[in-house]
Amino acid sequence: MLNTGGSHRAGEIMTSASTLIGNSIKKLTVILKKTGNPTGTITVLVRKGTGDSPSIIFGDPIDAATLTTTDQTLH
């Protein structure tokens, strides 16, 4: 759960031993629903290494105000 203006990161920091090296991401699913009256933009992205700059942005940004209180699956 995020508050307005919050951020959440999840995943794996890629190293030479990572099982993701050399593989493609074929599908990404994010399940979201709102509580309260969220504002702002939701973006799903992959960051470049430890430099923290975005590498891949998935789909279009989502306006948090358009979420409902029911789980919504985004692909």
N, C-alpha and C. Protein backbone atom coordinates (compact mmCIF):
# COMPACT_ATOMS: atom_id res chain seq x y z
N MET A 1 0.85 -1.16 0.00
CA MET A 1 0.00 0.00 0.00
C MET A 1 0.90 1.24 0.00
N LEU A 2 0.57 2.19 -0.82
CA LEU A 2 1.33 3.43 -0.91
C LEU A 2 0.48 4.59 -0.45
N ASN A 3 1.11 5.54 0.12
CA ASN A 3 0.41 6.78 0.42
C ASN A 3 0.67 7.74 -0.73
N THR A 4 -0.09 8.80 -0.80
CA THR A 4 0.13 9.79 -1.85
C THR A 4 1.56 10.29 -1.76
N GLY A 5 2.24 10.27 -2.89
CA GLY A 5 3.63 10.72 -2.93
C GLY A 5 4.62 9.65 -2.52
N GLY A 6 4.13 8.48 -2.16
CA GLY A 6 5.03 7.41 -1.75
C GLY A 6 5.57 6.65 -2.93
N SER A 7 6.52 5.78 -2.66
CA SER A 7 7.03 4.91 -3.71
C SER A 7 7.35 3.56 -3.11
N HIS A 8 7.34 2.56 -3.96
CA HIS A 8 7.63 1.21 -3.52
C HIS A 8 8.51 0.54 -4.56
N ARG A 9 9.53 -0.10 -4.13
CA ARG A 9 10.42 -0.82 -5.03
C ARG A 9 10.47 -2.27 -4.61
N ALA A 10 10.49 -3.13 -5.63
CA ALA A 10 10.58 -4.56 -5.36
C ALA A 10 11.40 -5.18 -6.47
N GLY A 11 12.01 -6.30 -6.20
CA GLY A 11 12.70 -6.99 -7.27
C GLY A 11 14.08 -7.45 -6.89
N GLU A 12 14.93 -7.51 -7.89
CA GLU A 12 16.26 -8.08 -7.76
C GLU A 12 17.29 -7.12 -8.35
N ILE A 13 18.38 -6.93 -7.63
CA ILE A 13 19.50 -6.18 -8.20
C ILE A 13 20.30 -7.18 -9.03
N MET A 14 20.45 -6.88 -10.30
CA MET A 14 21.12 -7.79 -11.21
C MET A 14 22.62 -7.81 -10.95
N THR A 15 23.16 -9.01 -10.83
CA THR A 15 24.61 -9.22 -10.72
C THR A 15 25.00 -10.21 -11.81
N SER A 16 26.27 -10.49 -11.94
CA SER A 16 26.72 -11.45 -12.94
C SER A 16 26.16 -12.85 -12.66
N ALA A 17 25.74 -13.10 -11.44
CA ALA A 17 25.19 -14.41 -11.07
C ALA A 17 23.66 -14.47 -11.21
N SER A 18 23.03 -13.37 -11.60
CA SER A 18 21.57 -13.31 -11.69
C SER A 18 21.03 -14.28 -12.73
N THR A 19 19.94 -14.95 -12.38
CA THR A 19 19.28 -15.85 -13.34
C THR A 19 18.52 -15.06 -14.41
N LEU A 20 18.37 -13.76 -14.24
CA LEU A 20 17.67 -12.95 -15.23
C LEU A 20 18.56 -12.48 -16.37
N ILE A 21 19.88 -12.54 -16.19
CA ILE A 21 20.80 -12.09 -17.23
C ILE A 21 20.58 -12.90 -18.51
N GLY A 22 20.40 -12.21 -19.62
CA GLY A 22 20.21 -12.86 -20.91
C GLY A 22 18.78 -13.29 -21.20
N ASN A 23 17.87 -13.07 -20.26
CA ASN A 23 16.47 -13.43 -20.45
C ASN A 23 15.62 -12.19 -20.69
N SER A 24 14.50 -12.37 -21.36
CA SER A 24 13.57 -11.27 -21.61
C SER A 24 12.40 -11.36 -20.65
N ILE A 25 11.87 -10.20 -20.30
CA ILE A 25 10.64 -10.16 -19.51
C ILE A 25 9.51 -10.27 -20.52
N LYS A 26 8.73 -11.34 -20.42
CA LYS A 26 7.65 -11.58 -21.37
C LYS A 26 6.31 -11.11 -20.87
N LYS A 27 6.14 -11.07 -19.56
CA LYS A 27 4.86 -10.66 -19.00
C LYS A 27 5.10 -10.05 -17.63
N LEU A 28 4.38 -9.00 -17.37
CA LEU A 28 4.46 -8.33 -16.08
C LEU A 28 3.04 -8.04 -15.63
N THR A 29 2.70 -8.46 -14.44
CA THR A 29 1.36 -8.22 -13.91
C THR A 29 1.48 -7.46 -12.61
N VAL A 30 0.70 -6.40 -12.49
CA VAL A 30 0.65 -5.60 -11.27
C VAL A 30 -0.80 -5.51 -10.85
N ILE A 31 -1.09 -5.78 -9.59
CA ILE A 31 -2.46 -5.68 -9.08
C ILE A 31 -2.52 -4.49 -8.14
N LEU A 32 -3.42 -3.56 -8.46
CA LEU A 32 -3.57 -2.33 -7.68
C LEU A 32 -5.02 -2.10 -7.30
N LYS A 33 -5.23 -1.44 -6.18
CA LYS A 33 -6.54 -0.91 -5.82
C LYS A 33 -6.29 0.27 -4.91
N LYS A 34 -7.27 1.15 -4.83
CA LYS A 34 -7.04 2.35 -4.03
C LYS A 34 -7.68 2.25 -2.65
N THR A 35 -7.10 2.99 -1.74
CA THR A 35 -7.70 3.27 -0.44
C THR A 35 -7.58 4.77 -0.27
N GLY A 36 -8.58 5.38 0.27
CA GLY A 36 -8.56 6.83 0.41
C GLY A 36 -8.72 7.51 -0.94
N ASN A 37 -8.07 8.65 -1.12
CA ASN A 37 -8.15 9.43 -2.35
C ASN A 37 -6.75 9.69 -2.90
N PRO A 38 -6.14 8.67 -3.50
CA PRO A 38 -4.77 8.83 -3.98
C PRO A 38 -4.69 9.81 -5.15
N THR A 39 -3.55 10.45 -5.26
CA THR A 39 -3.28 11.34 -6.39
C THR A 39 -1.89 11.02 -6.92
N GLY A 40 -1.62 11.48 -8.12
CA GLY A 40 -0.30 11.30 -8.68
C GLY A 40 -0.29 10.25 -9.78
N THR A 41 0.90 9.94 -10.23
CA THR A 41 1.09 9.03 -11.35
C THR A 41 1.77 7.76 -10.88
N ILE A 42 1.28 6.62 -11.38
CA ILE A 42 1.87 5.32 -11.08
C ILE A 42 2.63 4.87 -12.33
N THR A 43 3.88 4.49 -12.14
CA THR A 43 4.71 4.02 -13.25
C THR A 43 5.38 2.72 -12.84
N VAL A 44 5.39 1.74 -13.75
CA VAL A 44 6.08 0.47 -13.52
C VAL A 44 7.32 0.48 -14.41
N LEU A 45 8.50 0.34 -13.80
CA LEU A 45 9.71 0.42 -14.59
C LEU A 45 10.82 -0.48 -14.06
N VAL A 46 11.81 -0.70 -14.91
CA VAL A 46 13.04 -1.42 -14.55
C VAL A 46 14.14 -0.37 -14.54
N ARG A 47 14.95 -0.39 -13.50
CA ARG A 47 16.04 0.59 -13.38
C ARG A 47 17.36 -0.02 -13.82
N LYS A 48 18.27 0.82 -14.26
CA LYS A 48 19.61 0.40 -14.69
C LYS A 48 20.51 0.23 -13.47
N GLY A 49 20.90 -0.98 -13.21
CA GLY A 49 21.89 -1.27 -12.17
C GLY A 49 21.77 -0.43 -10.93
N THR A 50 22.91 -0.03 -10.41
CA THR A 50 22.90 0.76 -9.19
C THR A 50 22.82 2.26 -9.49
N GLY A 51 22.84 2.63 -10.79
CA GLY A 51 22.76 4.04 -11.17
C GLY A 51 21.38 4.63 -10.96
N ASP A 52 20.36 3.79 -10.81
CA ASP A 52 19.01 4.20 -10.47
C ASP A 52 18.24 4.88 -11.59
N SER A 53 18.80 5.01 -12.79
CA SER A 53 18.06 5.65 -13.88
C SER A 53 17.16 4.62 -14.55
N PRO A 54 15.96 5.03 -15.03
CA PRO A 54 15.03 4.08 -15.67
C PRO A 54 15.62 3.48 -16.94
N SER A 55 15.38 2.19 -17.14
CA SER A 55 15.82 1.48 -18.33
C SER A 55 14.63 1.15 -19.22
N ILE A 56 13.59 0.54 -18.63
CA ILE A 56 12.38 0.16 -19.36
C ILE A 56 11.17 0.63 -18.56
N ILE A 57 10.24 1.28 -19.23
CA ILE A 57 8.97 1.67 -18.61
C ILE A 57 7.89 0.81 -19.24
N PHE A 58 7.11 0.12 -18.41
CA PHE A 58 6.06 -0.77 -18.89
C PHE A 58 4.73 -0.03 -19.00
N GLY A 59 4.14 -0.07 -20.17
CA GLY A 59 2.82 0.51 -20.37
C GLY A 59 2.82 2.02 -20.19
N ASP A 60 1.63 2.56 -20.15
CA ASP A 60 1.45 4.00 -19.96
C ASP A 60 1.36 4.30 -18.47
N PRO A 61 1.78 5.49 -18.05
CA PRO A 61 1.57 5.88 -16.65
C PRO A 61 0.09 5.83 -16.30
N ILE A 62 -0.21 5.54 -15.06
CA ILE A 62 -1.59 5.40 -14.59
C ILE A 62 -1.89 6.53 -13.63
N ASP A 63 -3.00 7.20 -13.81
CA ASP A 63 -3.45 8.24 -12.89
C ASP A 63 -4.04 7.55 -11.66
N ALA A 64 -3.44 7.73 -10.50
CA ALA A 64 -3.88 7.05 -9.28
C ALA A 64 -5.34 7.32 -8.95
N ALA A 65 -5.85 8.48 -9.33
CA ALA A 65 -7.24 8.84 -9.04
C ALA A 65 -8.23 7.96 -9.79
N THR A 66 -7.79 7.28 -10.86
CA THR A 66 -8.70 6.43 -11.65
C THR A 66 -8.83 5.02 -11.08
N LEU A 67 -8.03 4.67 -10.08
CA LEU A 67 -8.13 3.34 -9.48
C LEU A 67 -9.45 3.20 -8.74
N THR A 68 -9.93 1.96 -8.62
CA THR A 68 -11.13 1.69 -7.85
C THR A 68 -10.73 0.96 -6.57
N THR A 69 -11.70 0.65 -5.74
CA THR A 69 -11.41 -0.06 -4.48
C THR A 69 -11.37 -1.57 -4.69
N THR A 70 -11.57 -2.02 -5.91
CA THR A 70 -11.49 -3.44 -6.27
C THR A 70 -10.15 -3.70 -6.96
N ASP A 71 -9.56 -4.85 -6.72
CA ASP A 71 -8.30 -5.20 -7.39
C ASP A 71 -8.42 -5.00 -8.90
N GLN A 72 -7.45 -4.32 -9.48
CA GLN A 72 -7.36 -4.14 -10.92
C GLN A 72 -6.03 -4.73 -11.37
N THR A 73 -6.07 -5.63 -12.33
CA THR A 73 -4.87 -6.26 -12.84
C THR A 73 -4.39 -5.50 -14.05
N LEU A 74 -3.15 -5.05 -14.01
CA LEU A 74 -2.54 -4.31 -15.11
C LEU A 74 -1.49 -5.19 -15.74
N HIS A 75 -1.49 -5.27 -17.06
CA HIS A 75 -0.49 -6.08 -17.77
C HIS A 75 0.38 -5.18 -18.58
